[in-house]
C-alpha atoms as a PDB file:
ATOM      1  CA  UNK A   1     143.060 121.721 110.443  1.00  0.00           C
ATOM      2  CA  UNK A   2     140.734 121.127 113.426  1.00  0.00           C
ATOM      3  CA  UNK A   3     137.478 119.343 112.780  1.00  0.00           C
ATOM      4  CA  UNK A   4     134.338 121.490 112.963  1.00  0.00           C
ATOM      5  CA  UNK A   5     132.341 120.936 116.144  1.00  0.00           C
ATOM      6  CA  UNK A   6     129.594 118.347 116.007  1.00  0.00           C
ATOM      7  CA  UNK A   7     126.082 119.690 115.860  1.00  0.00           C
ATOM      8  CA  UNK A   8     123.785 119.144 118.801  1.00  0.00           C
ATOM      9  CA  UNK A   9     120.829 116.792 118.633  1.00  0.00           C
ATOM     10  CA  UNK A  10     118.589 119.864 118.764  1.00  0.00           C
ATOM     11  CA  UNK A  11     120.196 121.077 115.531  1.00  0.00           C
ATOM     12  CA  UNK A  12     119.670 117.678 113.919  1.00  0.00           C
ATOM     13  CA  UNK A  13     116.093 117.244 115.172  1.00  0.00           C
ATOM     14  CA  UNK A  14     114.324 118.838 112.153  1.00  0.00           C
ATOM     15  CA  UNK A  15     115.666 116.020 109.957  1.00  0.00           C
ATOM     16  CA  UNK A  16     115.034 113.100 112.319  1.00  0.00           C
ATOM     17  CA  UNK A  17     111.815 111.200 112.902  1.00  0.00           C
ATOM     18  CA  UNK A  18     111.887 108.944 115.948  1.00  0.00           C
ATOM     19  CA  UNK A  19     110.544 105.414 115.399  1.00  0.00           C
ATOM     20  CA  UNK A  20     111.070 102.079 117.191  1.00  0.00           C
ATOM     21  CA  UNK A  21     114.157 100.059 116.265  1.00  0.00           C
ATOM     22  CA  UNK A  22     113.683  96.259 116.412  1.00  0.00           C
ATOM     23  CA  UNK A  23     117.425  95.710 116.876  1.00  0.00           C
ATOM     24  CA  UNK A  24     117.146  96.997 120.426  1.00  0.00           C
ATOM     25  CA  UNK A  25     113.950  95.225 121.404  1.00  0.00           C
ATOM     26  CA  UNK A  26     112.727  91.698 120.818  1.00  0.00           C
ATOM     27  CA  UNK A  27     109.155  93.018 120.784  1.00  0.00           C
ATOM     28  CA  UNK A  28     109.234  96.653 119.663  1.00  0.00           C
ATOM     29  CA  UNK A  29     106.077  98.668 120.070  1.00  0.00           C
ATOM     30  CA  UNK A  30     104.117  98.931 116.857  1.00  0.00           C
ATOM     31  CA  UNK A  31     104.640 102.407 115.426  1.00  0.00           C
ATOM     32  CA  UNK A  32     101.729 104.632 114.448  1.00  0.00           C
ATOM     33  CA  UNK A  33     101.120 104.575 110.707  1.00  0.00           C
ATOM     34  CA  UNK A  34     103.235 107.319 109.180  1.00  0.00           C
ATOM     35  CA  UNK A  35     101.327 110.404 108.021  1.00  0.00           C
ATOM     36  CA  UNK A  36     103.558 111.704 105.247  1.00  0.00           C
ATOM     37  CA  UNK A  37     101.716 114.998 104.504  1.00  0.00           C
ATOM     38  CA  UNK A  38     101.837 115.833 108.209  1.00  0.00           C
ATOM     39  CA  UNK A  39     105.510 114.846 108.473  1.00  0.00           C
ATOM     40  CA  UNK A  40     106.596 117.067 105.576  1.00  0.00           C
ATOM     41  CA  UNK A  41     103.924 119.750 105.872  1.00  0.00           C
ATOM     42  CA  UNK A  42     102.797 119.327 102.263  1.00  0.00           C
ATOM     43  CA  UNK A  43     101.353 116.785  99.833  1.00  0.00           C
ATOM     44  CA  UNK A  44     104.341 116.532  97.480  1.00  0.00           C
ATOM     45  CA  UNK A  45     105.224 113.062  96.176  1.00  0.00           C
ATOM     46  CA  UNK A  46     107.536 111.084  98.452  1.00  0.00           C
ATOM     47  CA  UNK A  47     110.467 108.874  97.507  1.00  0.00           C
ATOM     48  CA  UNK A  48     112.210 106.505  99.901  1.00  0.00           C
ATOM     49  CA  UNK A  49     115.840 105.427  99.979  1.00  0.00           C
ATOM     50  CA  UNK A  50     116.495 102.273 101.989  1.00  0.00           C
ATOM     51  CA  UNK A  51     119.973 102.015 103.498  1.00  0.00           C
ATOM     52  CA  UNK A  52     121.195 105.502 102.603  1.00  0.00           C
ATOM     53  CA  UNK A  53     124.631 105.125 104.228  1.00  0.00           C
ATOM     54  CA  UNK A  54     126.530 108.422 103.980  1.00  0.00           C
ATOM     55  CA  UNK A  55     123.526 110.117 102.404  1.00  0.00           C
ATOM     56  CA  UNK A  56     124.967 111.368  99.113  1.00  0.00           C
ATOM     57  CA  UNK A  57     121.914 110.429  97.054  1.00  0.00           C
ATOM     58  CA  UNK A  58     119.493 112.080  99.485  1.00  0.00           C
ATOM     59  CA  UNK A  59     121.614 115.225  99.748  1.00  0.00           C
ATOM     60  CA  UNK A  60     121.874 115.740  96.012  1.00  0.00           C
ATOM     61  CA  UNK A  61     118.416 114.641  94.935  1.00  0.00           C
ATOM     62  CA  UNK A  62     116.664 116.711  97.597  1.00  0.00           C
ATOM     63  CA  UNK A  63     118.471 119.787  96.296  1.00  0.00           C
ATOM     64  CA  UNK A  64     117.858 118.972  92.624  1.00  0.00           C
ATOM     65  CA  UNK A  65     114.159 118.202  93.137  1.00  0.00           C
ATOM     66  CA  UNK A  66     112.718 120.546  95.794  1.00  0.00           C
ATOM     67  CA  UNK A  67     109.132 119.614  94.874  1.00  0.00           C
ATOM     68  CA  UNK A  68     109.725 115.997  95.931  1.00  0.00           C
ATOM     69  CA  UNK A  69     109.948 114.842  99.546  1.00  0.00           C
ATOM     70  CA  UNK A  70     112.624 112.308 100.439  1.00  0.00           C
ATOM     71  CA  UNK A  71     112.455 109.787 103.231  1.00  0.00           C
ATOM     72  CA  UNK A  72     115.576 107.851 104.228  1.00  0.00           C
ATOM     73  CA  UNK A  73     115.641 104.682 106.324  1.00  0.00           C
ATOM     74  CA  UNK A  74     118.968 103.465 107.672  1.00  0.00           C
ATOM     75  CA  UNK A  75     119.569 100.785 110.292  1.00  0.00           C
ATOM     76  CA  UNK A  76     122.871 102.251 111.544  1.00  0.00           C
ATOM     77  CA  UNK A  77     122.461 105.224 113.862  1.00  0.00           C
ATOM     78  CA  UNK A  78     125.924 106.643 113.120  1.00  0.00           C
ATOM     79  CA  UNK A  79     125.004 107.099 109.458  1.00  0.00           C
ATOM     80  CA  UNK A  80     121.662 108.665 110.349  1.00  0.00           C
ATOM     81  CA  UNK A  81     123.299 111.244 112.600  1.00  0.00           C
ATOM     82  CA  UNK A  82     126.099 111.938 110.127  1.00  0.00           C
ATOM     83  CA  UNK A  83     123.637 112.511 107.273  1.00  0.00           C
ATOM     84  CA  UNK A  84     121.431 114.673 109.491  1.00  0.00           C
ATOM     85  CA  UNK A  85     124.520 116.785 110.215  1.00  0.00           C
ATOM     86  CA  UNK A  86     125.139 117.272 106.505  1.00  0.00           C
ATOM     87  CA  UNK A  87     121.511 118.255 105.967  1.00  0.00           C
ATOM     88  CA  UNK A  88     121.667 120.758 108.823  1.00  0.00           C
ATOM     89  CA  UNK A  89     124.704 122.456 107.242  1.00  0.00           C
ATOM     90  CA  UNK A  90     122.978 122.705 103.865  1.00  0.00           C
ATOM     91  CA  UNK A  91     119.387 123.028 105.008  1.00  0.00           C
ATOM     92  CA  UNK A  92     116.652 121.173 103.182  1.00  0.00           C
ATOM     93  CA  UNK A  93     112.968 121.201 103.990  1.00  0.00           C
ATOM     94  CA  UNK A  94     112.217 118.028 102.053  1.00  0.00           C
ATOM     95  CA  UNK A  95     114.231 115.276 103.793  1.00  0.00           C
ATOM     96  CA  UNK A  96     113.410 113.196 106.872  1.00  0.00           C
ATOM     97  CA  UNK A  97     115.542 110.368 108.263  1.00  0.00           C
ATOM     98  CA  UNK A  98     114.442 107.294 110.197  1.00  0.00           C
ATOM     99  CA  UNK A  99     116.750 104.950 112.105  1.00  0.00           C
ATOM    100  CA  UNK A 100     115.111 101.526 112.003  1.00  0.00           C
ATOM    101  CA  UNK A 101     114.927  98.257 110.064  1.00  0.00           C
ATOM    102  CA  UNK A 102     113.274  99.056 106.733  1.00  0.00           C
ATOM    103  CA  UNK A 103     111.969  95.513 106.305  1.00  0.00           C
ATOM    104  CA  UNK A 104     110.057  95.822 109.571  1.00  0.00           C
ATOM    105  CA  UNK A 105     108.977  99.447 109.111  1.00  0.00           C
ATOM    106  CA  UNK A 106     107.596  98.997 105.599  1.00  0.00           C
ATOM    107  CA  UNK A 107     105.217  96.408 107.006  1.00  0.00           C
ATOM    108  CA  UNK A 108     104.254  98.043 110.288  1.00  0.00           C
ATOM    109  CA  UNK A 109     104.793 101.790 109.952  1.00  0.00           C
ATOM    110  CA  UNK A 110     103.799 102.863 106.455  1.00  0.00           C
ATOM    111  CA  UNK A 111     100.403 103.081 104.783  1.00  0.00           C
ATOM    112  CA  UNK A 112      99.773 101.397 101.429  1.00  0.00           C
ATOM    113  CA  UNK A 113     100.080 103.346  98.173  1.00  0.00           C
ATOM    114  CA  UNK A 114     102.060 106.240  99.635  1.00  0.00           C
ATOM    115  CA  UNK A 115     105.431 106.373  97.829  1.00  0.00           C
ATOM    116  CA  UNK A 116     106.341 107.529  94.357  1.00  0.00           C
ATOM    117  CA  UNK A 117     109.567 105.504  94.374  1.00  0.00           C
ATOM    118  CA  UNK A 118     111.680 103.165  96.489  1.00  0.00           C
ATOM    119  CA  UNK A 119     115.448 103.269  95.938  1.00  0.00           C
ATOM    120  CA  UNK A 120     117.785 100.470  97.048  1.00  0.00           C
ATOM    121  CA  UNK A 121     121.424 101.112  96.184  1.00  0.00           C
ATOM    122  CA  UNK A 122     124.293  98.729  96.892  1.00  0.00           C
ATOM    123  CA  UNK A 123     122.816  96.700  99.761  1.00  0.00           C
ATOM    124  CA  UNK A 124     125.251  94.428 101.583  1.00  0.00           C
ATOM    125  CA  UNK A 125     125.200  90.959  99.949  1.00  0.00           C
ATOM    126  CA  UNK A 126     125.850  89.134 103.265  1.00  0.00           C
ATOM    127  CA  UNK A 127     127.889  86.280 101.826  1.00  0.00           C
ATOM    128  CA  UNK A 128     127.957  83.957 104.854  1.00  0.00           C
ATOM    129  CA  UNK A 129     125.026  81.590 105.392  1.00  0.00           C
ATOM    130  CA  UNK A 130     124.646  82.618 109.022  1.00  0.00           C
ATOM    131  CA  UNK A 131     124.123  86.216 107.877  1.00  0.00           C
ATOM    132  CA  UNK A 132     121.443  85.473 105.281  1.00  0.00           C
ATOM    133  CA  UNK A 133     118.714  86.672 107.640  1.00  0.00           C
ATOM    134  CA  UNK A 134     120.190  90.175 107.333  1.00  0.00           C
ATOM    135  CA  UNK A 135     119.908  90.246 103.544  1.00  0.00           C
ATOM    136  CA  UNK A 136     117.684  93.127 102.529  1.00  0.00           C
ATOM    137  CA  UNK A 137     116.379  92.271  99.089  1.00  0.00           C
ATOM    138  CA  UNK A 138     114.202  89.189  99.458  1.00  0.00           C
ATOM    139  CA  UNK A 139     110.782  88.395  98.041  1.00  0.00           C
ATOM    140  CA  UNK A 140     109.272  89.503 101.360  1.00  0.00           C
ATOM    141  CA  UNK A 141     110.989  92.881 101.098  1.00  0.00           C
ATOM    142  CA  UNK A 142     109.926  93.279  97.462  1.00  0.00           C
ATOM    143  CA  UNK A 143     106.305  92.566  98.387  1.00  0.00           C
ATOM    144  CA  UNK A 144     106.433  95.136 101.188  1.00  0.00           C
ATOM    145  CA  UNK A 145     107.958  97.713  98.864  1.00  0.00           C
ATOM    146  CA  UNK A 146     105.262  96.962  96.308  1.00  0.00           C
ATOM    147  CA  UNK A 147     102.556  97.528  98.934  1.00  0.00           C
ATOM    148  CA  UNK A 148     103.718 101.071  99.740  1.00  0.00           C
ATOM    149  CA  UNK A 149     104.188 102.192  96.122  1.00  0.00           C
ATOM    150  CA  UNK A 150     101.431 104.133  94.396  1.00  0.00           C
ATOM    151  CA  UNK A 151     100.224 102.701  91.065  1.00  0.00           C
ATOM    152  CA  UNK A 152     102.917 103.647  88.581  1.00  0.00           C
ATOM    153  CA  UNK A 153     105.427 104.086  91.405  1.00  0.00           C
ATOM    154  CA  UNK A 154     108.926 102.803  90.750  1.00  0.00           C
ATOM    155  CA  UNK A 155     111.336 100.420  92.450  1.00  0.00           C
ATOM    156  CA  UNK A 156     115.012 101.095  91.723  1.00  0.00           C
ATOM    157  CA  UNK A 157     117.752  98.583  92.508  1.00  0.00           C
ATOM    158  CA  UNK A 158     121.503  98.947  91.915  1.00  0.00           C
ATOM    159  CA  UNK A 159     124.334  96.619  92.946  1.00  0.00           C
ATOM    160  CA  UNK A 160     127.909  95.776  92.059  1.00  0.00           C
ATOM    161  CA  UNK A 161     127.336  92.066  92.860  1.00  0.00           C
ATOM    162  CA  UNK A 162     126.172  90.169  89.787  1.00  0.00           C
ATOM    163  CA  UNK A 163     124.815  87.163  91.709  1.00  0.00           C
ATOM    164  CA  UNK A 164     122.750  89.445  93.934  1.00  0.00           C
ATOM    165  CA  UNK A 165     121.427  91.212  90.848  1.00  0.00           C
ATOM    166  CA  UNK A 166     120.489  87.953  89.121  1.00  0.00           C
ATOM    167  CA  UNK A 167     118.689  86.611  92.188  1.00  0.00           C
ATOM    168  CA  UNK A 168     116.838  89.887  92.676  1.00  0.00           C
ATOM    169  CA  UNK A 169     115.684  90.054  89.068  1.00  0.00           C
ATOM    170  CA  UNK A 170     114.320  86.527  89.344  1.00  0.00           C
ATOM    171  CA  UNK A 171     112.182  87.380  92.345  1.00  0.00           C
ATOM    172  CA  UNK A 172     111.030  90.725  90.905  1.00  0.00           C
ATOM    173  CA  UNK A 173     110.080  89.091  87.618  1.00  0.00           C
ATOM    174  CA  UNK A 174     107.946  86.614  89.571  1.00  0.00           C
ATOM    175  CA  UNK A 175     105.780  89.450  90.947  1.00  0.00           C
ATOM    176  CA  UNK A 176     103.067  90.124  88.330  1.00  0.00           C
ATOM    177  CA  UNK A 177     102.273  93.553  89.786  1.00  0.00           C
ATOM    178  CA  UNK A 178     105.769  94.786  88.887  1.00  0.00           C
ATOM    179  CA  UNK A 179     106.602  95.648  85.298  1.00  0.00           C
ATOM    180  CA  UNK A 180     110.210  96.119  84.069  1.00  0.00           C
ATOM    181  CA  UNK A 181     111.085  99.607  82.878  1.00  0.00           C
ATOM    182  CA  UNK A 182     113.946 100.889  80.723  1.00  0.00           C
ATOM    183  CA  UNK A 183     116.950 102.175  82.618  1.00  0.00           C
ATOM    184  CA  UNK A 184     117.429 105.942  82.243  1.00  0.00           C
ATOM    185  CA  UNK A 185     120.801 107.016  80.921  1.00  0.00           C
ATOM    186  CA  UNK A 186     123.241 107.371  83.813  1.00  0.00           C
ATOM    187  CA  UNK A 187     125.942 109.982  84.160  1.00  0.00           C
ATOM    188  CA  UNK A 188     129.498 108.963  83.441  1.00  0.00           C
ATOM    189  CA  UNK A 189     132.542 109.264  85.697  1.00  0.00           C
ATOM    190  CA  UNK A 190     132.943 112.966  84.916  1.00  0.00           C
ATOM    191  CA  UNK A 191     129.513 113.887  86.288  1.00  0.00           C
ATOM    192  CA  UNK A 192     128.934 111.984  89.507  1.00  0.00           C
ATOM    193  CA  UNK A 193     127.113 114.457  91.738  1.00  0.00           C
ATOM    194  CA  UNK A 194     123.728 112.677  92.092  1.00  0.00           C
ATOM    195  CA  UNK A 195     125.172 109.175  92.567  1.00  0.00           C
ATOM    196  CA  UNK A 196     125.788 107.300  95.809  1.00  0.00           C
ATOM    197  CA  UNK A 197     129.254 107.150  97.340  1.00  0.00           C
ATOM    198  CA  UNK A 198     129.575 103.501  96.336  1.00  0.00           C
ATOM    199  CA  UNK A 199     128.573 104.120  92.733  1.00  0.00           C
ATOM    200  CA  UNK A 200     130.888 107.087  92.387  1.00  0.00           C
ATOM    201  CA  UNK A 201     133.793 104.993  93.674  1.00  0.00           C
ATOM    202  CA  UNK A 202     132.993 101.938  91.560  1.00  0.00           C
ATOM    203  CA  UNK A 203     132.500 103.856  88.317  1.00  0.00           C
ATOM    204  CA  UNK A 204     135.823 105.661  88.739  1.00  0.00           C
ATOM    205  CA  UNK A 205     137.428 102.242  89.303  1.00  0.00           C
ATOM    206  CA  UNK A 206     135.726 100.904  86.180  1.00  0.00           C
ATOM    207  CA  UNK A 207     133.811  98.210  88.075  1.00  0.00           C
ATOM    208  CA  UNK A 208     130.632  96.750  86.601  1.00  0.00           C
ATOM    209  CA  UNK A 209     127.334  98.076  87.936  1.00  0.00           C
ATOM    210  CA  UNK A 210     123.976  96.308  87.511  1.00  0.00           C
ATOM    211  CA  UNK A 211     120.739  98.209  87.809  1.00  0.00           C
ATOM    212  CA  UNK A 212     117.034  97.492  87.494  1.00  0.00           C
ATOM    213  CA  UNK A 213     113.911  99.627  87.404  1.00  0.00           C
ATOM    214  CA  UNK A 214     110.364  98.330  87.862  1.00  0.00           C
ATOM    215  CA  UNK A 215     106.982 100.063  88.020  1.00  0.00           C
ATOM    216  CA  UNK A 216     103.907  99.017  89.954  1.00  0.00           C
ATOM    217  CA  UNK A 217     101.099  98.158  87.572  1.00  0.00           C
END
Protein backbone atom coordinates (compact mmCIF):
# COMPACT_ATOMS: atom_id res chain seq x y z
CA UNK A 1 0.00 0.00 0.00
CA UNK A 2 1.49 3.39 -0.97
CA UNK A 3 2.21 5.84 1.80
CA UNK A 4 -0.12 8.86 2.01
CA UNK A 5 1.48 12.05 0.73
CA UNK A 6 3.22 14.23 3.28
CA UNK A 7 1.39 17.36 4.28
CA UNK A 8 2.82 20.72 3.31
CA UNK A 9 4.30 23.08 5.86
CA UNK A 10 1.30 25.34 5.26
CA UNK A 11 -0.96 22.51 6.44
CA UNK A 12 1.19 21.99 9.52
CA UNK A 13 1.54 25.70 10.34
CA UNK A 14 -1.53 25.98 12.65
CA UNK A 15 0.16 23.57 15.08
CA UNK A 16 3.69 25.02 14.96
CA UNK A 17 5.07 27.99 16.84
CA UNK A 18 8.44 29.18 15.58
CA UNK A 19 11.05 29.86 18.27
CA UNK A 20 14.87 29.99 18.28
CA UNK A 21 16.74 26.69 18.61
CA UNK A 22 20.05 26.90 20.52
CA UNK A 23 21.37 23.77 18.80
CA UNK A 24 21.81 25.75 15.60
CA UNK A 25 23.27 28.90 17.11
CA UNK A 26 25.88 29.46 19.78
CA UNK A 27 24.11 32.70 20.73
CA UNK A 28 20.44 32.37 19.81
CA UNK A 29 18.33 35.49 19.91
CA UNK A 30 16.31 35.75 23.09
CA UNK A 31 12.70 34.88 22.28
CA UNK A 32 9.82 37.15 23.23
CA UNK A 33 8.07 35.95 26.37
CA UNK A 34 5.33 33.57 25.28
CA UNK A 35 1.78 34.94 25.52
CA UNK A 36 -0.24 31.78 26.03
CA UNK A 37 -3.77 33.30 25.82
CA UNK A 38 -2.79 34.97 22.55
CA UNK A 39 -1.19 31.77 21.22
CA UNK A 40 -4.27 29.63 21.88
CA UNK A 41 -6.93 32.32 21.53
CA UNK A 42 -8.39 31.62 24.98
CA UNK A 43 -7.52 31.59 28.68
CA UNK A 44 -7.87 27.84 29.28
CA UNK A 45 -5.28 26.21 31.55
CA UNK A 46 -2.12 25.08 29.76
CA UNK A 47 -0.13 21.89 30.26
CA UNK A 48 3.33 21.29 28.81
CA UNK A 49 4.91 18.04 27.68
CA UNK A 50 8.70 18.17 27.38
CA UNK A 51 10.19 15.78 24.83
CA UNK A 52 6.94 14.53 23.31
CA UNK A 53 8.59 12.22 20.75
CA UNK A 54 5.91 10.66 18.53
CA UNK A 55 3.21 12.71 20.22
CA UNK A 56 0.86 10.00 21.50
CA UNK A 57 0.23 11.68 24.85
CA UNK A 58 -0.52 15.06 23.27
CA UNK A 59 -2.79 13.53 20.63
CA UNK A 60 -4.90 11.61 23.11
CA UNK A 61 -5.01 14.09 25.97
CA UNK A 62 -5.90 17.02 23.72
CA UNK A 63 -8.88 15.04 22.44
CA UNK A 64 -9.94 13.82 25.89
CA UNK A 65 -9.65 17.27 27.49
CA UNK A 66 -10.74 19.94 24.97
CA UNK A 67 -10.94 22.62 27.69
CA UNK A 68 -7.20 22.33 28.36
CA UNK A 69 -4.51 23.72 26.07
CA UNK A 70 -1.43 21.59 25.43
CA UNK A 71 2.01 22.85 24.59
CA UNK A 72 4.68 20.42 23.40
CA UNK A 73 8.42 21.10 23.30
CA UNK A 74 10.66 18.70 21.40
CA UNK A 75 14.29 19.19 20.43
CA UNK A 76 14.14 16.96 17.33
CA UNK A 77 12.52 18.61 14.32
CA UNK A 78 11.53 15.30 12.69
CA UNK A 79 9.30 14.45 15.66
CA UNK A 80 7.78 17.93 15.69
CA UNK A 81 6.82 17.71 12.03
CA UNK A 82 5.56 14.14 12.35
CA UNK A 83 3.35 15.04 15.32
CA UNK A 84 2.10 18.17 13.56
CA UNK A 85 1.10 15.92 10.65
CA UNK A 86 -0.91 13.69 12.97
CA UNK A 87 -2.63 16.72 14.49
CA UNK A 88 -3.49 18.08 11.05
CA UNK A 89 -5.18 14.79 10.11
CA UNK A 90 -7.23 14.77 13.31
CA UNK A 91 -7.59 18.49 13.86
CA UNK A 92 -7.26 19.93 17.33
CA UNK A 93 -7.54 23.56 18.32
CA UNK A 94 -5.77 23.10 21.64
CA UNK A 95 -2.23 21.93 20.76
CA UNK A 96 0.85 23.94 19.77
CA UNK A 97 4.31 22.49 19.14
CA UNK A 98 7.70 24.14 19.62
CA UNK A 99 11.00 22.82 18.29
CA UNK A 100 13.67 23.98 20.73
CA UNK A 101 15.62 23.01 23.85
CA UNK A 102 13.13 22.98 26.72
CA UNK A 103 15.81 23.69 29.32
CA UNK A 104 16.71 26.91 27.52
CA UNK A 105 13.15 27.91 26.60
CA UNK A 106 11.71 27.47 30.10
CA UNK A 107 14.21 30.04 31.31
CA UNK A 108 14.12 32.53 28.45
CA UNK A 109 10.78 32.16 26.67
CA UNK A 110 8.08 31.50 29.25
CA UNK A 111 6.56 33.74 31.90
CA UNK A 112 6.40 32.62 35.54
CA UNK A 113 3.26 30.98 36.94
CA UNK A 114 1.73 30.12 33.58
CA UNK A 115 1.36 26.31 33.41
CA UNK A 116 -1.08 23.98 35.10
CA UNK A 117 1.24 21.00 34.65
CA UNK A 118 4.60 19.94 33.24
CA UNK A 119 4.90 16.37 31.96
CA UNK A 120 8.24 14.61 31.44
CA UNK A 121 7.90 11.05 30.20
CA UNK A 122 10.79 8.67 29.55
CA UNK A 123 13.62 11.16 28.98
CA UNK A 124 16.84 9.69 27.62
CA UNK A 125 19.12 8.73 30.55
CA UNK A 126 22.34 9.56 28.62
CA UNK A 127 24.52 6.89 30.20
CA UNK A 128 27.94 8.06 28.98
CA UNK A 129 29.76 10.73 30.99
CA UNK A 130 30.45 12.82 27.90
CA UNK A 131 26.70 13.01 27.27
CA UNK A 132 25.72 14.13 30.77
CA UNK A 133 25.28 17.71 29.60
CA UNK A 134 22.33 16.52 27.50
CA UNK A 135 20.49 15.02 30.48
CA UNK A 136 17.14 16.72 30.84
CA UNK A 137 16.10 16.22 34.44
CA UNK A 138 18.60 18.09 36.59
CA UNK A 139 18.08 20.40 39.54
CA UNK A 140 18.36 23.35 37.14
CA UNK A 141 15.58 21.95 34.97
CA UNK A 142 13.40 21.24 38.01
CA UNK A 143 13.83 24.81 39.23
CA UNK A 144 12.88 26.18 35.81
CA UNK A 145 9.83 23.94 35.68
CA UNK A 146 8.87 25.09 39.16
CA UNK A 147 9.11 28.73 38.07
CA UNK A 148 6.58 28.33 35.25
CA UNK A 149 4.03 26.32 37.26
CA UNK A 150 1.08 28.10 38.85
CA UNK A 151 0.62 27.52 42.60
CA UNK A 152 -0.89 24.06 42.85
CA UNK A 153 0.43 23.18 39.40
CA UNK A 154 1.85 19.69 38.98
CA UNK A 155 5.11 18.18 37.78
CA UNK A 156 4.80 14.64 36.40
CA UNK A 157 7.82 12.41 35.81
CA UNK A 158 7.86 8.85 34.45
CA UNK A 159 10.84 6.66 33.54
CA UNK A 160 11.77 3.03 33.06
CA UNK A 161 15.29 3.64 34.48
CA UNK A 162 15.35 3.11 38.24
CA UNK A 163 18.63 4.98 38.81
CA UNK A 164 17.30 8.00 36.93
CA UNK A 165 14.13 7.87 39.00
CA UNK A 166 16.03 7.66 42.29
CA UNK A 167 18.30 10.58 41.39
CA UNK A 168 15.35 12.67 40.26
CA UNK A 169 13.36 12.03 43.42
CA UNK A 170 16.34 13.12 45.50
CA UNK A 171 16.60 16.46 43.75
CA UNK A 172 12.83 17.04 43.74
CA UNK A 173 12.60 16.25 47.44
CA UNK A 174 15.30 18.86 48.08
CA UNK A 175 13.08 21.61 46.62
CA UNK A 176 10.85 22.85 49.47
CA UNK A 177 8.38 24.47 47.06
CA UNK A 178 7.48 21.05 45.63
CA UNK A 179 5.23 18.71 47.58
CA UNK A 180 4.87 14.99 46.71
CA UNK A 181 1.42 13.91 45.56
CA UNK A 182 -0.20 10.48 45.33
CA UNK A 183 0.04 8.79 41.96
CA UNK A 184 -3.34 8.47 40.23
CA UNK A 185 -4.32 4.95 39.24
CA UNK A 186 -2.90 4.16 35.81
CA UNK A 187 -4.57 2.12 33.11
CA UNK A 188 -3.41 -1.43 32.59
CA UNK A 189 -2.14 -3.05 29.40
CA UNK A 190 -5.66 -3.50 28.04
CA UNK A 191 -6.42 0.23 28.05
CA UNK A 192 -3.39 2.09 26.77
CA UNK A 193 -4.84 4.91 24.69
CA UNK A 194 -3.69 7.94 26.75
CA UNK A 195 -0.17 6.63 27.44
CA UNK A 196 3.05 7.46 25.60
CA UNK A 197 4.46 5.09 22.99
CA UNK A 198 7.25 4.08 25.37
CA UNK A 199 4.90 3.35 28.25
CA UNK A 200 2.53 1.35 26.08
CA UNK A 201 5.44 -0.77 24.83
CA UNK A 202 7.01 -1.26 28.26
CA UNK A 203 3.78 -2.19 30.02
CA UNK A 204 2.95 -4.80 27.38
CA UNK A 205 6.46 -6.20 27.89
CA UNK A 206 5.93 -6.24 31.65
CA UNK A 207 8.82 -3.86 32.34
CA UNK A 208 8.90 -1.84 35.55
CA UNK A 209 7.79 1.79 35.34
CA UNK A 210 8.58 4.43 37.98
CA UNK A 211 6.51 7.57 38.26
CA UNK A 212 6.37 10.64 40.46
CA UNK A 213 3.94 13.51 40.87
CA UNK A 214 4.68 16.77 42.70
CA UNK A 215 2.67 19.95 43.22
CA UNK A 216 3.95 23.49 43.60
CA UNK A 217 3.15 24.81 47.05
